[in-house]
Amino acid sequence: MRQDDKKHAAPRDLDEEVLAREKYSFSRLTYELRRADGRWEKHERNLFRRPDAAVLLPYDSKRGKVLLTRQFRLGAYMNDSTLSLLEACAGTIDAGESPDACMRREAMEEIGLHVADMRFLFEAFVSPAATTEKLFFFVAPYGPEMRVGDGGGMEEEGEEIEIVEASFDETLRAAETGAIRDGKTLTLLYWLKASGLMDERPQQE
């Protein structure tokens, strides 16, 4: 659902120059925005165009577990030499694919999980100043019997994904100490904490 924004005017004289186009595209855009006093001001920005994506946090309230992934992420490494990130399962939505269909496919590919009931939570832009990408957030209950595949990602796409089944309480503690630093994963972990869905989980030893 989009906000009914009557205060801001759409940009005018929008022009896009594609600088690089491989799997995704990188562009330079020029446009004018109207300021609050009515003046039109010229802007020049770079923009990374990439498809929307979906992210899923599977949870087992009976055993007090969540299912996560761990993998190398180039952006994190180039920032501060981080070698791997602990994350929720996620993937790019293919053309013509719905977010929930994408998430069911990625759950099988990455963590070998057959998803039965899945709950859509919300959608959110990732970094709207620099990229078009929008994320669709999901949670889903699971049990051991639903882990029917090997997971690990698609080798032909360069993926090597470790599947991590972890205590929800320990995962929250890891988030609070800064050991989990992926934004989409933190969003889902704290949503799950606030939701009360894990309140019946057993006490950890």
N, C-alpha and C. Protein backbone atom coordinates (compact mmCIF):
# COMPACT_ATOMS: atom_id res chain seq x y z
N MET A 1 0.84 -1.19 0.00
CA MET A 1 0.00 0.00 0.00
C MET A 1 0.87 1.24 0.00
N ARG A 2 0.66 2.12 -0.94
CA ARG A 2 1.44 3.33 -1.03
C ARG A 2 0.78 4.46 -0.27
N GLN A 3 1.61 5.33 0.28
CA GLN A 3 1.09 6.50 0.97
C GLN A 3 0.50 7.48 -0.03
N ASP A 4 -0.58 8.14 0.36
CA ASP A 4 -1.17 9.18 -0.46
C ASP A 4 -0.44 10.48 -0.16
N ASP A 5 0.61 10.75 -0.91
CA ASP A 5 1.49 11.90 -0.65
C ASP A 5 1.10 13.06 -1.55
N LYS A 6 0.43 14.03 -0.96
CA LYS A 6 0.00 15.19 -1.72
C LYS A 6 0.93 16.39 -1.54
N LYS A 7 1.88 16.25 -0.65
CA LYS A 7 2.78 17.36 -0.34
C LYS A 7 3.92 17.47 -1.34
N HIS A 8 4.46 16.31 -1.75
CA HIS A 8 5.63 16.29 -2.61
C HIS A 8 5.23 16.09 -4.08
N ALA A 9 5.87 16.86 -4.95
CA ALA A 9 5.64 16.74 -6.39
C ALA A 9 6.59 15.70 -6.98
N ALA A 10 6.15 15.04 -8.05
CA ALA A 10 7.02 14.10 -8.75
C ALA A 10 8.17 14.86 -9.39
N PRO A 11 9.34 14.24 -9.51
CA PRO A 11 10.46 14.92 -10.15
C PRO A 11 10.14 15.21 -11.62
N ARG A 12 10.76 16.23 -12.16
CA ARG A 12 10.56 16.57 -13.57
C ARG A 12 11.90 16.52 -14.31
N ASP A 13 11.81 16.48 -15.63
CA ASP A 13 13.00 16.42 -16.48
C ASP A 13 13.93 15.28 -16.07
N LEU A 14 13.34 14.13 -15.79
CA LEU A 14 14.11 12.97 -15.35
C LEU A 14 14.82 12.33 -16.54
N ASP A 15 16.13 12.16 -16.40
CA ASP A 15 16.93 11.56 -17.48
C ASP A 15 17.87 10.52 -16.86
N GLU A 16 17.94 9.36 -17.49
CA GLU A 16 18.77 8.27 -16.97
C GLU A 16 19.80 7.84 -18.00
N GLU A 17 21.06 7.79 -17.59
CA GLU A 17 22.15 7.30 -18.42
C GLU A 17 22.68 6.01 -17.80
N VAL A 18 22.56 4.90 -18.50
CA VAL A 18 23.04 3.62 -18.00
C VAL A 18 24.56 3.56 -18.16
N LEU A 19 25.26 3.41 -17.05
CA LEU A 19 26.72 3.36 -17.06
C LEU A 19 27.26 1.94 -17.19
N ALA A 20 26.53 0.98 -16.64
CA ALA A 20 26.95 -0.43 -16.72
C ALA A 20 25.71 -1.30 -16.69
N ARG A 21 25.72 -2.35 -17.50
CA ARG A 21 24.59 -3.27 -17.53
C ARG A 21 25.12 -4.69 -17.68
N GLU A 22 25.07 -5.44 -16.60
CA GLU A 22 25.42 -6.85 -16.64
C GLU A 22 24.21 -7.63 -16.13
N LYS A 23 24.32 -8.26 -14.97
CA LYS A 23 23.15 -8.92 -14.41
C LYS A 23 22.12 -7.87 -13.97
N TYR A 24 22.63 -6.79 -13.39
CA TYR A 24 21.79 -5.65 -13.01
C TYR A 24 22.39 -4.41 -13.67
N SER A 25 21.82 -3.25 -13.43
CA SER A 25 22.34 -2.05 -14.10
C SER A 25 22.68 -0.96 -13.09
N PHE A 26 23.62 -0.12 -13.49
CA PHE A 26 24.07 1.01 -12.69
C PHE A 26 23.94 2.26 -13.55
N SER A 27 23.24 3.28 -13.05
CA SER A 27 22.90 4.44 -13.86
C SER A 27 23.25 5.75 -13.16
N ARG A 28 23.40 6.81 -13.98
CA ARG A 28 23.46 8.17 -13.47
C ARG A 28 22.17 8.87 -13.90
N LEU A 29 21.49 9.47 -12.92
CA LEU A 29 20.22 10.15 -13.21
C LEU A 29 20.32 11.63 -12.88
N THR A 30 19.73 12.43 -13.72
CA THR A 30 19.57 13.86 -13.44
C THR A 30 18.08 14.17 -13.44
N TYR A 31 17.67 15.05 -12.54
CA TYR A 31 16.25 15.40 -12.42
C TYR A 31 16.12 16.67 -11.59
N GLU A 32 14.92 17.22 -11.57
CA GLU A 32 14.63 18.38 -10.75
C GLU A 32 13.57 18.03 -9.72
N LEU A 33 13.78 18.51 -8.49
CA LEU A 33 12.81 18.34 -7.41
C LEU A 33 12.34 19.70 -6.94
N ARG A 34 11.05 19.78 -6.62
CA ARG A 34 10.50 21.04 -6.13
C ARG A 34 10.69 21.15 -4.62
N ARG A 35 11.30 22.24 -4.19
CA ARG A 35 11.50 22.48 -2.77
C ARG A 35 10.22 23.02 -2.14
N ALA A 36 10.23 23.10 -0.80
CA ALA A 36 9.03 23.55 -0.09
C ALA A 36 8.63 24.97 -0.45
N ASP A 37 9.61 25.82 -0.84
CA ASP A 37 9.28 27.20 -1.19
C ASP A 37 8.86 27.35 -2.66
N GLY A 38 8.75 26.22 -3.37
CA GLY A 38 8.28 26.25 -4.74
C GLY A 38 9.36 26.23 -5.80
N ARG A 39 10.63 26.45 -5.42
CA ARG A 39 11.73 26.44 -6.39
C ARG A 39 12.03 25.01 -6.84
N TRP A 40 12.39 24.88 -8.13
CA TRP A 40 12.83 23.60 -8.65
C TRP A 40 14.35 23.54 -8.60
N GLU A 41 14.87 22.45 -8.05
CA GLU A 41 16.31 22.30 -7.83
C GLU A 41 16.82 21.08 -8.58
N LYS A 42 17.94 21.23 -9.29
CA LYS A 42 18.50 20.13 -10.05
C LYS A 42 19.30 19.19 -9.15
N HIS A 43 19.15 17.88 -9.40
CA HIS A 43 19.88 16.86 -8.65
C HIS A 43 20.56 15.91 -9.64
N GLU A 44 21.66 15.32 -9.19
CA GLU A 44 22.38 14.31 -9.96
C GLU A 44 22.77 13.19 -9.02
N ARG A 45 22.32 11.98 -9.31
CA ARG A 45 22.56 10.84 -8.42
C ARG A 45 22.92 9.60 -9.22
N ASN A 46 23.63 8.68 -8.59
CA ASN A 46 23.87 7.35 -9.15
C ASN A 46 22.89 6.36 -8.53
N LEU A 47 22.44 5.40 -9.31
CA LEU A 47 21.42 4.46 -8.85
C LEU A 47 21.73 3.05 -9.34
N PHE A 48 21.65 2.10 -8.42
CA PHE A 48 21.83 0.68 -8.73
C PHE A 48 20.43 0.07 -8.88
N ARG A 49 20.11 -0.37 -10.09
CA ARG A 49 18.82 -1.01 -10.32
C ARG A 49 18.97 -2.52 -10.15
N ARG A 50 18.22 -3.07 -9.20
CA ARG A 50 18.22 -4.51 -9.04
C ARG A 50 16.82 -4.96 -8.65
N PRO A 51 16.46 -6.22 -8.92
CA PRO A 51 15.10 -6.70 -8.64
C PRO A 51 14.80 -6.72 -7.15
N ASP A 52 13.51 -6.83 -6.85
CA ASP A 52 13.10 -6.99 -5.46
C ASP A 52 13.52 -8.38 -4.96
N ALA A 53 13.47 -8.55 -3.64
CA ALA A 53 13.88 -9.81 -3.03
C ALA A 53 12.94 -10.16 -1.89
N ALA A 54 13.06 -11.37 -1.40
CA ALA A 54 12.24 -11.84 -0.28
C ALA A 54 13.15 -12.47 0.77
N VAL A 55 12.70 -12.41 2.03
CA VAL A 55 13.49 -12.95 3.14
C VAL A 55 12.56 -13.67 4.11
N LEU A 56 13.03 -14.79 4.65
CA LEU A 56 12.22 -15.66 5.49
C LEU A 56 12.97 -16.07 6.75
N LEU A 57 12.29 -16.00 7.89
CA LEU A 57 12.83 -16.55 9.13
C LEU A 57 11.94 -17.71 9.57
N PRO A 58 12.38 -18.96 9.41
CA PRO A 58 11.63 -20.10 9.92
C PRO A 58 11.85 -20.24 11.43
N TYR A 59 10.77 -20.55 12.16
CA TYR A 59 10.88 -20.68 13.61
C TYR A 59 10.17 -21.94 14.08
N ASP A 60 10.72 -22.57 15.11
CA ASP A 60 10.15 -23.76 15.74
C ASP A 60 9.88 -23.40 17.20
N SER A 61 8.64 -23.03 17.50
CA SER A 61 8.32 -22.58 18.85
C SER A 61 8.36 -23.72 19.86
N LYS A 62 8.13 -24.96 19.44
CA LYS A 62 8.15 -26.09 20.36
C LYS A 62 9.56 -26.36 20.87
N ARG A 63 10.53 -26.23 20.00
CA ARG A 63 11.92 -26.51 20.39
C ARG A 63 12.72 -25.25 20.65
N GLY A 64 12.11 -24.08 20.43
CA GLY A 64 12.81 -22.82 20.69
C GLY A 64 13.95 -22.58 19.72
N LYS A 65 13.74 -22.93 18.43
CA LYS A 65 14.79 -22.84 17.43
C LYS A 65 14.41 -21.90 16.29
N VAL A 66 15.43 -21.37 15.62
CA VAL A 66 15.25 -20.67 14.34
C VAL A 66 16.27 -21.25 13.36
N LEU A 67 15.95 -21.13 12.07
CA LEU A 67 16.80 -21.68 11.03
C LEU A 67 17.41 -20.54 10.23
N LEU A 68 18.75 -20.49 10.21
CA LEU A 68 19.48 -19.39 9.58
C LEU A 68 20.50 -19.92 8.58
N THR A 69 21.17 -19.01 7.90
CA THR A 69 22.24 -19.37 6.98
C THR A 69 23.50 -18.60 7.35
N ARG A 70 24.64 -19.12 6.93
CA ARG A 70 25.90 -18.38 7.07
C ARG A 70 26.64 -18.48 5.74
N GLN A 71 27.10 -17.31 5.24
CA GLN A 71 27.82 -17.31 3.98
C GLN A 71 28.70 -16.07 3.85
N PHE A 72 29.63 -16.14 2.90
CA PHE A 72 30.49 -15.01 2.59
C PHE A 72 29.68 -13.96 1.83
N ARG A 73 29.88 -12.66 2.19
CA ARG A 73 29.23 -11.55 1.50
C ARG A 73 30.30 -10.54 1.13
N LEU A 74 30.44 -10.29 -0.16
CA LEU A 74 31.51 -9.43 -0.64
C LEU A 74 31.43 -8.02 -0.07
N GLY A 75 30.21 -7.45 -0.02
CA GLY A 75 30.06 -6.09 0.49
C GLY A 75 30.54 -5.95 1.92
N ALA A 76 30.21 -6.94 2.75
CA ALA A 76 30.63 -6.91 4.15
C ALA A 76 32.15 -7.05 4.26
N TYR A 77 32.71 -7.93 3.43
CA TYR A 77 34.16 -8.12 3.47
C TYR A 77 34.89 -6.84 3.03
N MET A 78 34.40 -6.20 1.98
CA MET A 78 35.07 -5.00 1.49
C MET A 78 34.92 -3.82 2.45
N ASN A 79 33.92 -3.87 3.32
CA ASN A 79 33.73 -2.80 4.30
C ASN A 79 34.70 -2.95 5.47
N ASP A 80 34.68 -4.11 6.12
CA ASP A 80 35.51 -4.26 7.33
C ASP A 80 36.13 -5.65 7.47
N SER A 81 36.31 -6.35 6.33
CA SER A 81 36.96 -7.67 6.29
C SER A 81 36.15 -8.77 6.98
N THR A 82 34.85 -8.58 7.14
CA THR A 82 33.98 -9.62 7.67
C THR A 82 33.99 -10.82 6.73
N LEU A 83 34.24 -12.01 7.27
CA LEU A 83 34.37 -13.20 6.44
C LEU A 83 33.05 -13.91 6.17
N SER A 84 32.07 -13.76 7.04
CA SER A 84 30.77 -14.39 6.81
C SER A 84 29.71 -13.66 7.63
N LEU A 85 28.47 -13.78 7.19
CA LEU A 85 27.35 -13.19 7.90
C LEU A 85 26.33 -14.27 8.23
N LEU A 86 25.77 -14.19 9.44
CA LEU A 86 24.67 -15.04 9.85
C LEU A 86 23.39 -14.33 9.44
N GLU A 87 22.57 -15.00 8.62
CA GLU A 87 21.43 -14.33 7.99
C GLU A 87 20.20 -15.22 7.97
N ALA A 88 19.05 -14.58 7.76
CA ALA A 88 17.84 -15.29 7.40
C ALA A 88 17.91 -15.68 5.93
N CYS A 89 17.22 -16.72 5.56
CA CYS A 89 17.17 -17.19 4.18
C CYS A 89 16.55 -16.10 3.30
N ALA A 90 17.17 -15.82 2.15
CA ALA A 90 16.68 -14.75 1.28
C ALA A 90 17.09 -15.01 -0.16
N GLY A 91 16.40 -14.34 -1.08
CA GLY A 91 16.75 -14.49 -2.48
C GLY A 91 16.06 -13.47 -3.36
N THR A 92 16.58 -13.31 -4.56
CA THR A 92 16.04 -12.36 -5.53
C THR A 92 14.82 -12.95 -6.22
N ILE A 93 13.80 -12.13 -6.38
CA ILE A 93 12.57 -12.55 -7.04
C ILE A 93 12.78 -12.54 -8.55
N ASP A 94 12.54 -13.68 -9.20
CA ASP A 94 12.67 -13.77 -10.65
C ASP A 94 11.54 -13.03 -11.34
N ALA A 95 11.76 -12.64 -12.59
CA ALA A 95 10.74 -11.95 -13.37
C ALA A 95 9.47 -12.80 -13.46
N GLY A 96 8.34 -12.20 -13.13
CA GLY A 96 7.07 -12.90 -13.18
C GLY A 96 6.77 -13.77 -11.98
N GLU A 97 7.69 -13.82 -11.01
CA GLU A 97 7.54 -14.67 -9.83
C GLU A 97 6.96 -13.86 -8.69
N SER A 98 6.08 -14.45 -7.90
CA SER A 98 5.54 -13.77 -6.73
C SER A 98 6.53 -13.86 -5.58
N PRO A 99 6.47 -12.93 -4.63
CA PRO A 99 7.40 -13.00 -3.48
C PRO A 99 7.30 -14.30 -2.70
N ASP A 100 6.07 -14.82 -2.49
CA ASP A 100 5.95 -16.05 -1.71
C ASP A 100 6.48 -17.26 -2.48
N ALA A 101 6.28 -17.29 -3.81
CA ALA A 101 6.84 -18.38 -4.61
C ALA A 101 8.36 -18.34 -4.59
N CYS A 102 8.92 -17.14 -4.66
CA CYS A 102 10.37 -16.99 -4.56
C CYS A 102 10.87 -17.53 -3.24
N MET A 103 10.16 -17.22 -2.17
CA MET A 103 10.63 -17.60 -0.85
C MET A 103 10.57 -19.10 -0.64
N ARG A 104 9.53 -19.75 -1.18
CA ARG A 104 9.45 -21.21 -1.08
C ARG A 104 10.59 -21.87 -1.86
N ARG A 105 10.90 -21.32 -3.03
CA ARG A 105 12.00 -21.85 -3.84
C ARG A 105 13.33 -21.68 -3.13
N GLU A 106 13.57 -20.47 -2.61
CA GLU A 106 14.84 -20.19 -1.93
C GLU A 106 14.99 -21.01 -0.66
N ALA A 107 13.89 -21.25 0.05
CA ALA A 107 13.96 -22.05 1.28
C ALA A 107 14.44 -23.47 0.98
N MET A 108 13.99 -24.02 -0.14
CA MET A 108 14.44 -25.37 -0.50
C MET A 108 15.89 -25.34 -0.97
N GLU A 109 16.24 -24.33 -1.79
CA GLU A 109 17.60 -24.25 -2.32
C GLU A 109 18.63 -23.99 -1.24
N GLU A 110 18.33 -23.09 -0.32
CA GLU A 110 19.33 -22.66 0.65
C GLU A 110 19.37 -23.51 1.91
N ILE A 111 18.19 -23.86 2.44
CA ILE A 111 18.17 -24.55 3.73
C ILE A 111 17.43 -25.89 3.68
N GLY A 112 17.07 -26.37 2.48
CA GLY A 112 16.44 -27.67 2.33
C GLY A 112 15.10 -27.78 3.03
N LEU A 113 14.38 -26.65 3.16
CA LEU A 113 13.15 -26.61 3.94
C LEU A 113 11.92 -26.54 3.03
N HIS A 114 11.00 -27.48 3.25
CA HIS A 114 9.70 -27.41 2.60
C HIS A 114 8.80 -26.53 3.46
N VAL A 115 8.42 -25.37 2.93
CA VAL A 115 7.61 -24.42 3.69
C VAL A 115 6.13 -24.70 3.45
N ALA A 116 5.38 -24.92 4.51
CA ALA A 116 3.94 -25.16 4.39
C ALA A 116 3.19 -23.84 4.59
N ASP A 117 3.11 -23.40 5.83
CA ASP A 117 2.42 -22.15 6.15
C ASP A 117 3.44 -21.03 6.26
N MET A 118 3.21 -19.97 5.50
CA MET A 118 4.12 -18.85 5.51
C MET A 118 3.31 -17.57 5.71
N ARG A 119 3.81 -16.68 6.54
CA ARG A 119 3.09 -15.43 6.86
C ARG A 119 3.85 -14.24 6.31
N PHE A 120 3.19 -13.47 5.45
CA PHE A 120 3.78 -12.22 4.96
C PHE A 120 3.63 -11.14 6.02
N LEU A 121 4.71 -10.41 6.30
CA LEU A 121 4.69 -9.38 7.33
C LEU A 121 4.58 -7.97 6.75
N PHE A 122 5.53 -7.59 5.92
CA PHE A 122 5.57 -6.24 5.38
C PHE A 122 6.62 -6.17 4.28
N GLU A 123 6.65 -5.06 3.57
CA GLU A 123 7.69 -4.82 2.58
C GLU A 123 8.43 -3.55 2.96
N ALA A 124 9.70 -3.47 2.56
CA ALA A 124 10.51 -2.32 2.94
C ALA A 124 11.63 -2.12 1.93
N PHE A 125 11.98 -0.86 1.66
CA PHE A 125 13.11 -0.56 0.80
C PHE A 125 14.41 -0.80 1.56
N VAL A 126 15.43 -1.27 0.84
CA VAL A 126 16.69 -1.64 1.46
C VAL A 126 17.58 -0.43 1.71
N SER A 127 17.86 0.30 0.66
CA SER A 127 18.70 1.50 0.73
C SER A 127 18.23 2.44 -0.37
N PRO A 128 17.09 3.11 -0.17
CA PRO A 128 16.40 3.81 -1.25
C PRO A 128 17.15 5.00 -1.83
N ALA A 129 18.19 5.47 -1.17
CA ALA A 129 18.99 6.54 -1.76
C ALA A 129 19.88 6.04 -2.89
N ALA A 130 20.12 4.72 -2.92
CA ALA A 130 21.11 4.20 -3.86
C ALA A 130 20.63 3.03 -4.71
N THR A 131 19.56 2.33 -4.31
CA THR A 131 19.11 1.16 -5.05
C THR A 131 17.60 1.08 -5.08
N THR A 132 17.07 0.44 -6.14
CA THR A 132 15.62 0.28 -6.29
C THR A 132 15.09 -0.91 -5.50
N GLU A 133 15.95 -1.74 -4.96
CA GLU A 133 15.53 -3.01 -4.36
C GLU A 133 14.58 -2.82 -3.17
N LYS A 134 13.55 -3.67 -3.16
CA LYS A 134 12.59 -3.71 -2.06
C LYS A 134 12.54 -5.14 -1.54
N LEU A 135 12.42 -5.28 -0.22
CA LEU A 135 12.39 -6.59 0.41
C LEU A 135 10.98 -6.92 0.90
N PHE A 136 10.58 -8.20 0.72
CA PHE A 136 9.33 -8.72 1.25
C PHE A 136 9.68 -9.67 2.39
N PHE A 137 9.15 -9.39 3.58
CA PHE A 137 9.52 -10.12 4.79
C PHE A 137 8.48 -11.18 5.14
N PHE A 138 8.96 -12.40 5.47
CA PHE A 138 8.09 -13.51 5.82
C PHE A 138 8.63 -14.23 7.07
N VAL A 139 7.73 -14.87 7.80
CA VAL A 139 8.09 -15.86 8.81
C VAL A 139 7.29 -17.12 8.53
N ALA A 140 7.78 -18.25 9.03
CA ALA A 140 7.07 -19.51 8.83
C ALA A 140 7.42 -20.49 9.94
N PRO A 141 6.42 -21.19 10.48
CA PRO A 141 6.73 -22.25 11.46
C PRO A 141 7.32 -23.46 10.74
N TYR A 142 8.17 -24.18 11.43
CA TYR A 142 8.73 -25.40 10.85
C TYR A 142 9.01 -26.41 11.95
N GLY A 143 9.21 -27.65 11.54
CA GLY A 143 9.65 -28.71 12.42
C GLY A 143 10.71 -29.53 11.72
N PRO A 144 11.40 -30.42 12.43
CA PRO A 144 12.47 -31.22 11.81
C PRO A 144 12.01 -32.00 10.59
N GLU A 145 10.75 -32.43 10.58
CA GLU A 145 10.25 -33.23 9.47
C GLU A 145 10.13 -32.45 8.16
N MET A 146 10.20 -31.13 8.26
CA MET A 146 10.07 -30.29 7.07
C MET A 146 11.41 -30.03 6.40
N ARG A 147 12.49 -30.46 7.01
CA ARG A 147 13.83 -30.30 6.41
C ARG A 147 14.09 -31.51 5.52
N VAL A 148 13.63 -31.43 4.29
CA VAL A 148 13.61 -32.58 3.39
C VAL A 148 14.70 -32.53 2.32
N GLY A 149 15.39 -31.41 2.18
CA GLY A 149 16.42 -31.27 1.15
C GLY A 149 17.79 -31.02 1.75
N ASP A 150 18.80 -31.02 0.90
CA ASP A 150 20.17 -30.80 1.36
C ASP A 150 20.45 -29.33 1.61
N GLY A 151 19.83 -28.44 0.83
CA GLY A 151 20.14 -27.01 0.96
C GLY A 151 21.56 -26.72 0.52
N GLY A 152 22.09 -25.61 1.02
CA GLY A 152 23.46 -25.24 0.69
C GLY A 152 23.60 -24.28 -0.46
N GLY A 153 22.48 -23.97 -1.16
CA GLY A 153 22.55 -23.03 -2.27
C GLY A 153 22.86 -23.70 -3.59
N MET A 154 22.96 -22.86 -4.63
CA MET A 154 23.20 -23.34 -6.00
C MET A 154 24.68 -23.17 -6.34
N GLU A 155 25.37 -24.29 -6.50
CA GLU A 155 26.82 -24.25 -6.78
C GLU A 155 27.10 -23.50 -8.08
N GLU A 156 26.22 -23.65 -9.08
CA GLU A 156 26.44 -22.98 -10.36
C GLU A 156 26.32 -21.47 -10.26
N GLU A 157 25.73 -20.99 -9.17
CA GLU A 157 25.65 -19.55 -8.93
C GLU A 157 26.71 -19.08 -7.93
N GLY A 158 27.64 -19.96 -7.60
CA GLY A 158 28.73 -19.61 -6.70
C GLY A 158 28.36 -19.62 -5.23
N GLU A 159 27.23 -20.23 -4.90
CA GLU A 159 26.77 -20.23 -3.51
C GLU A 159 27.37 -21.40 -2.73
N GLU A 160 27.76 -21.15 -1.52
CA GLU A 160 28.17 -22.18 -0.57
C GLU A 160 27.64 -21.75 0.79
N ILE A 161 26.47 -22.26 1.13
CA ILE A 161 25.71 -21.77 2.28
C ILE A 161 25.70 -22.81 3.40
N GLU A 162 26.10 -22.39 4.57
CA GLU A 162 26.02 -23.23 5.77
C GLU A 162 24.65 -23.05 6.41
N ILE A 163 24.00 -24.15 6.73
CA ILE A 163 22.70 -24.10 7.40
C ILE A 163 22.93 -24.12 8.90
N VAL A 164 22.32 -23.18 9.60
CA VAL A 164 22.53 -23.04 11.04
C VAL A 164 21.18 -23.09 11.75
N GLU A 165 20.95 -24.18 12.50
CA GLU A 165 19.77 -24.24 13.37
C GLU A 165 20.23 -23.83 14.76
N ALA A 166 19.64 -22.77 15.29
CA ALA A 166 20.15 -22.19 16.53
C ALA A 166 19.02 -21.93 17.52
N SER A 167 19.36 -21.91 18.78
CA SER A 167 18.44 -21.51 19.82
C SER A 167 18.00 -20.07 19.60
N PHE A 168 16.70 -19.82 19.70
CA PHE A 168 16.19 -18.46 19.52
C PHE A 168 16.77 -17.53 20.59
N ASP A 169 16.82 -17.98 21.83
CA ASP A 169 17.36 -17.15 22.91
C ASP A 169 18.83 -16.80 22.66
N GLU A 170 19.61 -17.81 22.25
CA GLU A 170 21.03 -17.56 21.98
C GLU A 170 21.20 -16.64 20.78
N THR A 171 20.33 -16.77 19.79
CA THR A 171 20.40 -15.91 18.61
C THR A 171 20.09 -14.46 18.99
N LEU A 172 19.12 -14.26 19.86
CA LEU A 172 18.83 -12.91 20.33
C LEU A 172 20.01 -12.32 21.09
N ARG A 173 20.64 -13.14 21.90
CA ARG A 173 21.82 -12.65 22.63
C ARG A 173 22.94 -12.28 21.66
N ALA A 174 23.09 -13.09 20.62
CA ALA A 174 24.10 -12.78 19.60
C ALA A 174 23.79 -11.46 18.91
N ALA A 175 22.50 -11.21 18.65
CA ALA A 175 22.11 -9.94 18.04
C ALA A 175 22.42 -8.77 18.96
N GLU A 176 22.15 -8.95 20.25
CA GLU A 176 22.35 -7.87 21.21
C GLU A 176 23.83 -7.55 21.42
N THR A 177 24.69 -8.54 21.19
CA THR A 177 26.13 -8.29 21.36
C THR A 177 26.82 -7.88 20.06
N GLY A 178 26.04 -7.77 18.98
CA GLY A 178 26.61 -7.34 17.71
C GLY A 178 27.16 -8.45 16.86
N ALA A 179 26.93 -9.70 17.24
CA ALA A 179 27.44 -10.83 16.46
C ALA A 179 26.60 -11.07 15.20
N ILE A 180 25.37 -10.58 15.17
CA ILE A 180 24.53 -10.62 13.98
C ILE A 180 24.39 -9.19 13.49
N ARG A 181 24.79 -8.96 12.23
CA ARG A 181 24.84 -7.58 11.74
C ARG A 181 24.10 -7.40 10.41
N ASP A 182 23.35 -8.38 10.02
CA ASP A 182 22.57 -8.27 8.79
C ASP A 182 21.22 -7.63 9.10
N GLY A 183 20.91 -6.53 8.42
CA GLY A 183 19.74 -5.75 8.76
C GLY A 183 18.42 -6.49 8.62
N LYS A 184 18.26 -7.25 7.55
CA LYS A 184 17.00 -7.95 7.33
C LYS A 184 16.79 -9.02 8.40
N THR A 185 17.88 -9.65 8.82
CA THR A 185 17.80 -10.69 9.84
C THR A 185 17.46 -10.10 11.20
N LEU A 186 18.09 -9.00 11.55
CA LEU A 186 17.76 -8.33 12.81
C LEU A 186 16.30 -7.90 12.84
N THR A 187 15.80 -7.41 11.72
CA THR A 187 14.40 -6.99 11.63
C THR A 187 13.47 -8.15 11.97
N LEU A 188 13.73 -9.32 11.36
CA LEU A 188 12.86 -10.47 11.58
C LEU A 188 13.02 -11.05 12.99
N LEU A 189 14.23 -11.07 13.51
CA LEU A 189 14.43 -11.60 14.86
C LEU A 189 13.68 -10.78 15.90
N TYR A 190 13.76 -9.46 15.80
CA TYR A 190 13.08 -8.63 16.78
C TYR A 190 11.57 -8.59 16.55
N TRP A 191 11.13 -8.79 15.30
CA TRP A 191 9.69 -8.93 15.06
C TRP A 191 9.19 -10.20 15.74
N LEU A 192 9.95 -11.29 15.57
CA LEU A 192 9.54 -12.56 16.17
C LEU A 192 9.52 -12.46 17.70
N LYS A 193 10.48 -11.78 18.26
CA LYS A 193 10.50 -11.57 19.71
C LYS A 193 9.26 -10.81 20.17
N ALA A 194 8.91 -9.74 19.45
CA ALA A 194 7.77 -8.90 19.84
C ALA A 194 6.43 -9.58 19.58
N SER A 195 6.41 -10.54 18.65
CA SER A 195 5.14 -11.15 18.24
C SER A 195 4.52 -12.06 19.30
N GLY A 196 5.36 -12.60 20.19
CA GLY A 196 4.87 -13.56 21.18
C GLY A 196 4.78 -14.98 20.67
N LEU A 197 5.14 -15.22 19.41
CA LEU A 197 5.04 -16.56 18.83
C LEU A 197 6.00 -17.55 19.48
N MET A 198 7.07 -17.04 20.09
CA MET A 198 8.05 -17.92 20.72
C MET A 198 7.89 -17.98 22.24
N ASP A 199 6.82 -17.43 22.78
CA ASP A 199 6.67 -17.35 24.23
C ASP A 199 6.54 -18.72 24.89
N GLU A 200 6.09 -19.73 24.16
CA GLU A 200 5.91 -21.06 24.74
C GLU A 200 7.16 -21.92 24.59
N ARG A 201 8.24 -21.34 24.12
CA ARG A 201 9.46 -22.12 23.90
C ARG A 201 10.00 -22.62 25.23
N PRO A 202 10.67 -23.76 25.23
CA PRO A 202 11.22 -24.30 26.48
C PRO A 202 12.37 -23.46 26.98
N GLN A 203 12.59 -23.47 28.25
CA GLN A 203 13.73 -22.75 28.84
C GLN A 203 15.02 -23.43 28.42
N GLN A 204 16.03 -22.61 28.05
CA GLN A 204 17.30 -23.17 27.64
C GLN A 204 18.08 -23.65 28.86
N GLU A 205 18.78 -24.73 28.67
CA GLU A 205 19.61 -25.25 29.76
C GLU A 205 20.86 -24.43 29.92
